[in-house]
Amino acid sequence: MKDLEDIKTRLKIAKSKLKEKDTTNNNKRKSVFIGNAFKLGSELVAAVVVGTIIGFILDNWFDTKPILIIIFFLFGAAAGIKNVFRAAKRMQDQ
């Protein structure tokens, strides 16, 4: 009888350790996922903003109001999408 109770307590201890380990692993995965999502989003937004600012500056310099803003906005969007694909591929390889 004593052996059976000893085995039960050992099983309870082992199960509690596994549950603790699972919750910490899930929290780490969630934080990594959220971090990657913010990274991808900020890369896209940053590229579009930089492209638009360059277009705005060049438009003021050459006095061609909406044309260069639109062109550099599209260049920034394309560069941002390309950066997101590169970063996602790197994340997938890891």
PDB file of N, CA and C in Angstrom:
ATOM      1  N   MET A   1       0.803  -1.201   0.000  1.00  0.00           N
ATOM      2  CA  MET A   1       0.000   0.000   0.000  1.00  0.00           C
ATOM      3  C   MET A   1       0.845   1.265   0.000  1.00  0.00           C
ATOM      4  N   LYS A   2       1.899   1.240   0.770  1.00  0.00           N
ATOM      5  CA  LYS A   2       2.734   2.418   0.851  1.00  0.00           C
ATOM      6  C   LYS A   2       3.415   2.707  -0.488  1.00  0.00           C
ATOM      7  N   ASP A   3       3.787   1.651  -1.188  1.00  0.00           N
ATOM      8  CA  ASP A   3       4.405   1.824  -2.505  1.00  0.00           C
ATOM      9  C   ASP A   3       3.443   2.465  -3.492  1.00  0.00           C
ATOM     10  N   LEU A   4       2.193   2.068  -3.425  1.00  0.00           N
ATOM     11  CA  LEU A   4       1.178   2.625  -4.327  1.00  0.00           C
ATOM     12  C   LEU A   4       0.973   4.116  -4.060  1.00  0.00           C
ATOM     13  N   GLU A   5       0.929   4.517  -2.806  1.00  0.00           N
ATOM     14  CA  GLU A   5       0.779   5.925  -2.464  1.00  0.00           C
ATOM     15  C   GLU A   5       2.013   6.724  -2.878  1.00  0.00           C
ATOM     16  N   ASP A   6       3.170   6.111  -2.737  1.00  0.00           N
ATOM     17  CA  ASP A   6       4.416   6.760  -3.153  1.00  0.00           C
ATOM     18  C   ASP A   6       4.420   7.016  -4.658  1.00  0.00           C
ATOM     19  N   ILE A   7       3.963   6.042  -5.414  1.00  0.00           N
ATOM     20  CA  ILE A   7       3.881   6.190  -6.870  1.00  0.00           C
ATOM     21  C   ILE A   7       2.892   7.287  -7.241  1.00  0.00           C
ATOM     22  N   LYS A   8       1.750   7.347  -6.530  1.00  0.00           N
ATOM     23  CA  LYS A   8       0.752   8.382  -6.816  1.00  0.00           C
ATOM     24  C   LYS A   8       1.307   9.782  -6.574  1.00  0.00           C
ATOM     25  N   THR A   9       2.017   9.966  -5.481  1.00  0.00           N
ATOM     26  CA  THR A   9       2.589  11.287  -5.213  1.00  0.00           C
ATOM     27  C   THR A   9       3.651  11.652  -6.232  1.00  0.00           C
ATOM     28  N   ARG A  10       4.453  10.689  -6.645  1.00  0.00           N
ATOM     29  CA  ARG A  10       5.460  10.961  -7.674  1.00  0.00           C
ATOM     30  C   ARG A  10       4.800  11.367  -8.993  1.00  0.00           C
ATOM     31  N   LEU A  11       3.716  10.670  -9.334  1.00  0.00           N
ATOM     32  CA  LEU A  11       2.985  11.015 -10.566  1.00  0.00           C
ATOM     33  C   LEU A  11       2.401  12.427 -10.480  1.00  0.00           C
ATOM     34  N   LYS A  12       1.847  12.787  -9.322  1.00  0.00           N
ATOM     35  CA  LYS A  12       1.299  14.134  -9.168  1.00  0.00           C
ATOM     36  C   LYS A  12       2.376  15.194  -9.327  1.00  0.00           C
ATOM     37  N   ILE A  13       3.529  14.942  -8.738  1.00  0.00           N
ATOM     38  CA  ILE A  13       4.637  15.897  -8.855  1.00  0.00           C
ATOM     39  C   ILE A  13       5.093  16.031 -10.302  1.00  0.00           C
ATOM     40  N   ALA A  14       5.228  14.897 -10.988  1.00  0.00           N
ATOM     41  CA  ALA A  14       5.670  14.923 -12.387  1.00  0.00           C
ATOM     42  C   ALA A  14       4.655  15.645 -13.273  1.00  0.00           C
ATOM     43  N   LYS A  15       3.349  15.396 -13.032  1.00  0.00           N
ATOM     44  CA  LYS A  15       2.313  16.056 -13.826  1.00  0.00           C
ATOM     45  C   LYS A  15       2.319  17.567 -13.596  1.00  0.00           C
ATOM     46  N   SER A  16       2.512  17.989 -12.360  1.00  0.00           N
ATOM     47  CA  SER A  16       2.522  19.424 -12.086  1.00  0.00           C
ATOM     48  C   SER A  16       3.725  20.094 -12.749  1.00  0.00           C
ATOM     49  N   LYS A  17       4.863  19.411 -12.772  1.00  0.00           N
ATOM     50  CA  LYS A  17       6.038  19.972 -13.440  1.00  0.00           C
ATOM     51  C   LYS A  17       5.808  20.095 -14.942  1.00  0.00           C
ATOM     52  N   LEU A  18       5.167  19.087 -15.536  1.00  0.00           N
ATOM     53  CA  LEU A  18       4.867  19.152 -16.976  1.00  0.00           C
ATOM     54  C   LEU A  18       3.907  20.285 -17.291  1.00  0.00           C
ATOM     55  N   LYS A  19       2.912  20.498 -16.453  1.00  0.00           N
ATOM     56  CA  LYS A  19       1.964  21.597 -16.692  1.00  0.00           C
ATOM     57  C   LYS A  19       2.664  22.948 -16.623  1.00  0.00           C
ATOM     58  N   GLU A  20       3.548  23.126 -15.652  1.00  0.00           N
ATOM     59  CA  GLU A  20       4.290  24.377 -15.538  1.00  0.00           C
ATOM     60  C   GLU A  20       5.154  24.610 -16.769  1.00  0.00           C
ATOM     61  N   LYS A  21       5.788  23.540 -17.236  1.00  0.00           N
ATOM     62  CA  LYS A  21       6.646  23.650 -18.414  1.00  0.00           C
ATOM     63  C   LYS A  21       5.824  24.022 -19.649  1.00  0.00           C
ATOM     64  N   ASP A  22       4.637  23.413 -19.805  1.00  0.00           N
ATOM     65  CA  ASP A  22       3.774  23.710 -20.943  1.00  0.00           C
ATOM     66  C   ASP A  22       3.319  25.159 -20.946  1.00  0.00           C
ATOM     67  N   THR A  23       2.941  25.687 -19.793  1.00  0.00           N
ATOM     68  CA  THR A  23       2.464  27.073 -19.758  1.00  0.00           C
ATOM     69  C   THR A  23       3.589  28.052 -20.074  1.00  0.00           C
ATOM     70  N   THR A  24       4.802  27.776 -19.616  1.00  0.00           N
ATOM     71  CA  THR A  24       5.908  28.687 -19.938  1.00  0.00           C
ATOM     72  C   THR A  24       6.255  28.614 -21.411  1.00  0.00           C
ATOM     73  N   ASN A  25       6.209  27.420 -22.008  1.00  0.00           N
ATOM     74  CA  ASN A  25       6.489  27.300 -23.445  1.00  0.00           C
ATOM     75  C   ASN A  25       5.428  28.010 -24.267  1.00  0.00           C
ATOM     76  N   ASN A  26       4.152  27.898 -23.877  1.00  0.00           N
ATOM     77  CA  ASN A  26       3.084  28.583 -24.609  1.00  0.00           C
ATOM     78  C   ASN A  26       3.236  30.086 -24.519  1.00  0.00           C
ATOM     79  N   ASN A  27       3.601  30.596 -23.351  1.00  0.00           N
ATOM     80  CA  ASN A  27       3.791  32.040 -23.201  1.00  0.00           C
ATOM     81  C   ASN A  27       4.957  32.528 -24.053  1.00  0.00           C
ATOM     82  N   LYS A  28       6.032  31.749 -24.126  1.00  0.00           N
ATOM     83  CA  LYS A  28       7.175  32.142 -24.951  1.00  0.00           C
ATOM     84  C   LYS A  28       6.793  32.160 -26.427  1.00  0.00           C
ATOM     85  N   ARG A  29       6.042  31.152 -26.858  1.00  0.00           N
ATOM     86  CA  ARG A  29       5.622  31.106 -28.266  1.00  0.00           C
ATOM     87  C   ARG A  29       4.741  32.293 -28.616  1.00  0.00           C
ATOM     88  N   LYS A  30       3.816  32.625 -27.715  1.00  0.00           N
ATOM     89  CA  LYS A  30       2.925  33.753 -27.972  1.00  0.00           C
ATOM     90  C   LYS A  30       3.708  35.052 -28.076  1.00  0.00           C
ATOM     91  N   SER A  31       4.660  35.239 -27.182  1.00  0.00           N
ATOM     92  CA  SER A  31       5.423  36.485 -27.222  1.00  0.00           C
ATOM     93  C   SER A  31       6.293  36.563 -28.466  1.00  0.00           C
ATOM     94  N   VAL A  32       6.851  35.439 -28.895  1.00  0.00           N
ATOM     95  CA  VAL A  32       7.648  35.429 -30.124  1.00  0.00           C
ATOM     96  C   VAL A  32       6.759  35.742 -31.321  1.00  0.00           C
ATOM     97  N   PHE A  33       5.560  35.173 -31.349  1.00  0.00           N
ATOM     98  CA  PHE A  33       4.632  35.416 -32.447  1.00  0.00           C
ATOM     99  C   PHE A  33       4.231  36.884 -32.510  1.00  0.00           C
ATOM    100  N   ILE A  34       3.908  37.465 -31.374  1.00  0.00           N
ATOM    101  CA  ILE A  34       3.509  38.873 -31.339  1.00  0.00           C
ATOM    102  C   ILE A  34       4.678  39.766 -31.754  1.00  0.00           C
ATOM    103  N   GLY A  35       5.878  39.433 -31.292  1.00  0.00           N
ATOM    104  CA  GLY A  35       7.058  40.208 -31.681  1.00  0.00           C
ATOM    105  C   GLY A  35       7.308  40.162 -33.172  1.00  0.00           C
ATOM    106  N   ASN A  36       7.160  38.984 -33.759  1.00  0.00           N
ATOM    107  CA  ASN A  36       7.348  38.853 -35.211  1.00  0.00           C
ATOM    108  C   ASN A  36       6.277  39.627 -35.976  1.00  0.00           C
ATOM    109  N   ALA A  37       5.054  39.593 -35.490  1.00  0.00           N
ATOM    110  CA  ALA A  37       3.978  40.332 -36.161  1.00  0.00           C
ATOM    111  C   ALA A  37       4.244  41.833 -36.132  1.00  0.00           C
ATOM    112  N   PHE A  38       4.677  42.345 -34.979  1.00  0.00           N
ATOM    113  CA  PHE A  38       5.010  43.770 -34.899  1.00  0.00           C
ATOM    114  C   PHE A  38       6.188  44.122 -35.798  1.00  0.00           C
ATOM    115  N   LYS A  39       7.151  43.223 -35.883  1.00  0.00           N
ATOM    116  CA  LYS A  39       8.318  43.479 -36.728  1.00  0.00           C
ATOM    117  C   LYS A  39       7.899  43.586 -38.195  1.00  0.00           C
ATOM    118  N   LEU A  40       7.085  42.654 -38.648  1.00  0.00           N
ATOM    119  CA  LEU A  40       6.648  42.673 -40.049  1.00  0.00           C
ATOM    120  C   LEU A  40       5.813  43.917 -40.346  1.00  0.00           C
ATOM    121  N   GLY A  41       4.922  44.252 -39.445  1.00  0.00           N
ATOM    122  CA  GLY A  41       4.080  45.433 -39.644  1.00  0.00           C
ATOM    123  C   GLY A  41       4.885  46.716 -39.663  1.00  0.00           C
ATOM    124  N   SER A  42       5.843  46.826 -38.756  1.00  0.00           N
ATOM    125  CA  SER A  42       6.638  48.057 -38.712  1.00  0.00           C
ATOM    126  C   SER A  42       7.551  48.180 -39.927  1.00  0.00           C
ATOM    127  N   GLU A  43       8.030  47.056 -40.452  1.00  0.00           N
ATOM    128  CA  GLU A  43       8.858  47.126 -41.664  1.00  0.00           C
ATOM    129  C   GLU A  43       8.057  47.652 -42.841  1.00  0.00           C
ATOM    130  N   LEU A  44       6.832  47.197 -42.977  1.00  0.00           N
ATOM    131  CA  LEU A  44       5.990  47.651 -44.078  1.00  0.00           C
ATOM    132  C   LEU A  44       5.657  49.134 -43.936  1.00  0.00           C
ATOM    133  N   VAL A  45       5.248  49.533 -42.753  1.00  0.00           N
ATOM    134  CA  VAL A  45       4.864  50.926 -42.529  1.00  0.00           C
ATOM    135  C   VAL A  45       6.069  51.858 -42.702  1.00  0.00           C
ATOM    136  N   ALA A  46       7.218  51.457 -42.188  1.00  0.00           N
ATOM    137  CA  ALA A  46       8.417  52.300 -42.281  1.00  0.00           C
ATOM    138  C   ALA A  46       8.813  52.531 -43.735  1.00  0.00           C
ATOM    139  N   ALA A  47       8.763  51.488 -44.549  1.00  0.00           N
ATOM    140  CA  ALA A  47       9.143  51.646 -45.956  1.00  0.00           C
ATOM    141  C   ALA A  47       8.185  52.581 -46.679  1.00  0.00           C
ATOM    142  N   VAL A  48       6.892  52.467 -46.404  1.00  0.00           N
ATOM    143  CA  VAL A  48       5.912  53.342 -47.059  1.00  0.00           C
ATOM    144  C   VAL A  48       6.105  54.788 -46.607  1.00  0.00           C
ATOM    145  N   VAL A  49       6.350  54.990 -45.322  1.00  0.00           N
ATOM    146  CA  VAL A  49       6.539  56.348 -44.802  1.00  0.00           C
ATOM    147  C   VAL A  49       7.792  56.983 -45.391  1.00  0.00           C
ATOM    148  N   VAL A  50       8.875  56.233 -45.440  1.00  0.00           N
ATOM    149  CA  VAL A  50      10.126  56.776 -45.993  1.00  0.00           C
ATOM    150  C   VAL A  50       9.948  57.120 -47.468  1.00  0.00           C
ATOM    151  N   GLY A  51       9.315  56.244 -48.214  1.00  0.00           N
ATOM    152  CA  GLY A  51       9.075  56.525 -49.633  1.00  0.00           C
ATOM    153  C   GLY A  51       8.223  57.760 -49.834  1.00  0.00           C
ATOM    154  N   THR A  52       7.192  57.905 -49.019  1.00  0.00           N
ATOM    155  CA  THR A  52       6.315  59.066 -49.143  1.00  0.00           C
ATOM    156  C   THR A  52       7.044  60.355 -48.776  1.00  0.00           C
ATOM    157  N   ILE A  53       7.856  60.309 -47.740  1.00  0.00           N
ATOM    158  CA  ILE A  53       8.609  61.510 -47.342  1.00  0.00           C
ATOM    159  C   ILE A  53       9.609  61.911 -48.427  1.00  0.00           C
ATOM    160  N   ILE A  54      10.284  60.933 -49.010  1.00  0.00           N
ATOM    161  CA  ILE A  54      11.214  61.245 -50.107  1.00  0.00           C
ATOM    162  C   ILE A  54      10.463  61.874 -51.274  1.00  0.00           C
ATOM    163  N   GLY A  55       9.311  61.317 -51.610  1.00  0.00           N
ATOM    164  CA  GLY A  55       8.498  61.882 -52.686  1.00  0.00           C
ATOM    165  C   GLY A  55       8.041  63.294 -52.375  1.00  0.00           C
ATOM    166  N   PHE A  56       7.658  63.543 -51.129  1.00  0.00           N
ATOM    167  CA  PHE A  56       7.227  64.887 -50.731  1.00  0.00           C
ATOM    168  C   PHE A  56       8.364  65.891 -50.845  1.00  0.00           C
ATOM    169  N   ILE A  57       9.537  65.503 -50.380  1.00  0.00           N
ATOM    170  CA  ILE A  57      10.692  66.407 -50.448  1.00  0.00           C
ATOM    171  C   ILE A  57      11.057  66.715 -51.901  1.00  0.00           C
ATOM    172  N   LEU A  58      11.094  65.673 -52.736  1.00  0.00           N
ATOM    173  CA  LEU A  58      11.434  65.893 -54.149  1.00  0.00           C
ATOM    174  C   LEU A  58      10.365  66.705 -54.865  1.00  0.00           C
ATOM    175  N   ASP A  59       9.081  66.511 -54.499  1.00  0.00           N
ATOM    176  CA  ASP A  59       8.008  67.316 -55.092  1.00  0.00           C
ATOM    177  C   ASP A  59       8.164  68.788 -54.749  1.00  0.00           C
ATOM    178  N   ASN A  60       8.511  69.063 -53.519  1.00  0.00           N
ATOM    179  CA  ASN A  60       8.725  70.468 -53.151  1.00  0.00           C
ATOM    180  C   ASN A  60       9.949  71.046 -53.837  1.00  0.00           C
ATOM    181  N   TRP A  61      10.952  70.243 -54.032  1.00  0.00           N
ATOM    182  CA  TRP A  61      12.184  70.709 -54.649  1.00  0.00           C
ATOM    183  C   TRP A  61      11.989  71.000 -56.139  1.00  0.00           C
ATOM    184  N   PHE A  62      11.334  70.053 -56.845  1.00  0.00           N
ATOM    185  CA  PHE A  62      11.139  70.210 -58.289  1.00  0.00           C
ATOM    186  C   PHE A  62       9.809  70.866 -58.656  1.00  0.00           C
ATOM    187  N   ASP A  63       8.971  71.142 -57.677  1.00  0.00           N
ATOM    188  CA  ASP A  63       7.674  71.786 -57.880  1.00  0.00           C
ATOM    189  C   ASP A  63       6.773  70.974 -58.823  1.00  0.00           C
ATOM    190  N   THR A  64       6.688  69.688 -58.570  1.00  0.00           N
ATOM    191  CA  THR A  64       5.803  68.780 -59.324  1.00  0.00           C
ATOM    192  C   THR A  64       4.879  68.090 -58.326  1.00  0.00           C
ATOM    193  N   LYS A  65       3.942  68.840 -57.780  1.00  0.00           N
ATOM    194  CA  LYS A  65       3.243  68.449 -56.571  1.00  0.00           C
ATOM    195  C   LYS A  65       2.828  66.980 -56.432  1.00  0.00           C
ATOM    196  N   PRO A  66       1.846  66.433 -57.053  1.00  0.00           N
ATOM    197  CA  PRO A  66       1.448  65.092 -56.588  1.00  0.00           C
ATOM    198  C   PRO A  66       2.199  63.931 -57.245  1.00  0.00           C
ATOM    199  N   ILE A  67       2.920  64.190 -58.308  1.00  0.00           N
ATOM    200  CA  ILE A  67       3.461  63.085 -59.112  1.00  0.00           C
ATOM    201  C   ILE A  67       4.508  62.276 -58.347  1.00  0.00           C
ATOM    202  N   LEU A  68       5.530  62.935 -57.815  1.00  0.00           N
ATOM    203  CA  LEU A  68       6.612  62.203 -57.152  1.00  0.00           C
ATOM    204  C   LEU A  68       6.175  61.591 -55.828  1.00  0.00           C
ATOM    205  N   ILE A  69       5.208  62.211 -55.143  1.00  0.00           N
ATOM    206  CA  ILE A  69       4.687  61.604 -53.909  1.00  0.00           C
ATOM    207  C   ILE A  69       4.044  60.261 -54.236  1.00  0.00           C
ATOM    208  N   ILE A  70       3.250  60.238 -55.274  1.00  0.00           N
ATOM    209  CA  ILE A  70       2.570  58.991 -55.657  1.00  0.00           C
ATOM    210  C   ILE A  70       3.578  57.937 -56.106  1.00  0.00           C
ATOM    211  N   ILE A  71       4.544  58.350 -56.925  1.00  0.00           N
ATOM    212  CA  ILE A  71       5.540  57.397 -57.427  1.00  0.00           C
ATOM    213  C   ILE A  71       6.359  56.808 -56.277  1.00  0.00           C
ATOM    214  N   PHE A  72       6.846  57.665 -55.385  1.00  0.00           N
ATOM    215  CA  PHE A  72       7.674  57.160 -54.289  1.00  0.00           C
ATOM    216  C   PHE A  72       6.850  56.433 -53.228  1.00  0.00           C
ATOM    217  N   PHE A  73       5.560  56.777 -53.109  1.00  0.00           N
ATOM    218  CA  PHE A  73       4.686  55.990 -52.251  1.00  0.00           C
ATOM    219  C   PHE A  73       4.600  54.556 -52.768  1.00  0.00           C
ATOM    220  N   LEU A  74       4.434  54.408 -54.072  1.00  0.00           N
ATOM    221  CA  LEU A  74       4.359  53.065 -54.661  1.00  0.00           C
ATOM    222  C   LEU A  74       5.698  52.324 -54.543  1.00  0.00           C
ATOM    223  N   PHE A  75       6.807  53.050 -54.738  1.00  0.00           N
ATOM    224  CA  PHE A  75       8.122  52.422 -54.541  1.00  0.00           C
ATOM    225  C   PHE A  75       8.291  51.959 -53.089  1.00  0.00           C
ATOM    226  N   GLY A  76       7.867  52.800 -52.148  1.00  0.00           N
ATOM    227  CA  GLY A  76       7.969  52.437 -50.730  1.00  0.00           C
ATOM    228  C   GLY A  76       7.105  51.238 -50.388  1.00  0.00           C
ATOM    229  N   ALA A  77       5.907  51.185 -50.961  1.00  0.00           N
ATOM    230  CA  ALA A  77       5.021  50.050 -50.714  1.00  0.00           C
ATOM    231  C   ALA A  77       5.626  48.764 -51.272  1.00  0.00           C
ATOM    232  N   ALA A  78       6.192  48.853 -52.474  1.00  0.00           N
ATOM    233  CA  ALA A  78       6.825  47.673 -53.072  1.00  0.00           C
ATOM    234  C   ALA A  78       8.035  47.225 -52.251  1.00  0.00           C
ATOM    235  N   ALA A  79       8.840  48.185 -51.807  1.00  0.00           N
ATOM    236  CA  ALA A  79      10.003  47.842 -50.985  1.00  0.00           C
ATOM    237  C   ALA A  79       9.568  47.249 -49.650  1.00  0.00           C
ATOM    238  N   GLY A  80       8.506  47.780 -49.062  1.00  0.00           N
ATOM    239  CA  GLY A  80       8.001  47.247 -47.797  1.00  0.00           C
ATOM    240  C   GLY A  80       7.499  45.831 -47.936  1.00  0.00           C
ATOM    241  N   ILE A  81       6.780  45.552 -49.002  1.00  0.00           N
ATOM    242  CA  ILE A  81       6.283  44.197 -49.230  1.00  0.00           C
ATOM    243  C   ILE A  81       7.443  43.234 -49.447  1.00  0.00           C
ATOM    244  N   LYS A  82       8.442  43.690 -50.192  1.00  0.00           N
ATOM    245  CA  LYS A  82       9.619  42.851 -50.422  1.00  0.00           C
ATOM    246  C   LYS A  82      10.344  42.561 -49.099  1.00  0.00           C
ATOM    247  N   ASN A  83      10.482  43.567 -48.239  1.00  0.00           N
ATOM    248  CA  ASN A  83      11.118  43.368 -46.940  1.00  0.00           C
ATOM    249  C   ASN A  83      10.325  42.416 -46.054  1.00  0.00           C
ATOM    250  N   VAL A  84       9.002  42.526 -46.097  1.00  0.00           N
ATOM    251  CA  VAL A  84       8.167  41.625 -45.304  1.00  0.00           C
ATOM    252  C   VAL A  84       8.347  40.193 -45.765  1.00  0.00           C
ATOM    253  N   PHE A  85       8.393  39.964 -47.068  1.00  0.00           N
ATOM    254  CA  PHE A  85       8.594  38.602 -47.577  1.00  0.00           C
ATOM    255  C   PHE A  85       9.961  38.060 -47.166  1.00  0.00           C
ATOM    256  N   ARG A  86      10.987  38.902 -47.242  1.00  0.00           N
ATOM    257  CA  ARG A  86      12.329  38.464 -46.831  1.00  0.00           C
ATOM    258  C   ARG A  86      12.366  38.094 -45.351  1.00  0.00           C
ATOM    259  N   ALA A  87      11.794  38.957 -44.530  1.00  0.00           N
ATOM    260  CA  ALA A  87      11.798  38.713 -43.086  1.00  0.00           C
ATOM    261  C   ALA A  87      10.972  37.469 -42.735  1.00  0.00           C
ATOM    262  N   ALA A  88       9.851  37.280 -43.399  1.00  0.00           N
ATOM    263  CA  ALA A  88       9.030  36.099 -43.148  1.00  0.00           C
ATOM    264  C   ALA A  88       9.751  34.831 -43.561  1.00  0.00           C
ATOM    265  N   LYS A  89      10.490  34.898 -44.654  1.00  0.00           N
ATOM    266  CA  LYS A  89      11.254  33.724 -45.088  1.00  0.00           C
ATOM    267  C   LYS A  89      12.354  33.394 -44.071  1.00  0.00           C
ATOM    268  N   ARG A  90      13.035  34.442 -43.552  1.00  0.00           N
ATOM    269  CA  ARG A  90      14.068  34.222 -42.532  1.00  0.00           C
ATOM    270  C   ARG A  90      13.458  33.598 -41.271  1.00  0.00           C
ATOM    271  N   MET A  91      12.286  34.080 -40.880  1.00  0.00           N
ATOM    272  CA  MET A  91      11.611  33.527 -39.695  1.00  0.00           C
ATOM    273  C   MET A  91      11.210  32.077 -39.915  1.00  0.00           C
ATOM    274  N   GLN A  92      10.781  31.770 -41.126  1.00  0.00           N
ATOM    275  CA  GLN A  92      10.370  30.402 -41.427  1.00  0.00           C
ATOM    276  C   GLN A  92      11.568  29.452 -41.425  1.00  0.00           C
ATOM    277  N   ASP A  93      12.724  29.932 -41.900  1.00  0.00           N
ATOM    278  CA  ASP A  93      13.912  29.096 -41.906  1.00  0.00           C
ATOM    279  C   ASP A  93      14.408  28.784 -40.500  1.00  0.00           C
ATOM    280  N   GLN A  94      14.198  29.723 -39.579  1.00  0.00           N
ATOM    281  CA  GLN A  94      14.621  29.496 -38.198  1.00  0.00           C
ATOM    282  C   GLN A  94      13.694  28.528 -37.547  1.00  0.00           C
TER     283      GLN A  94
END
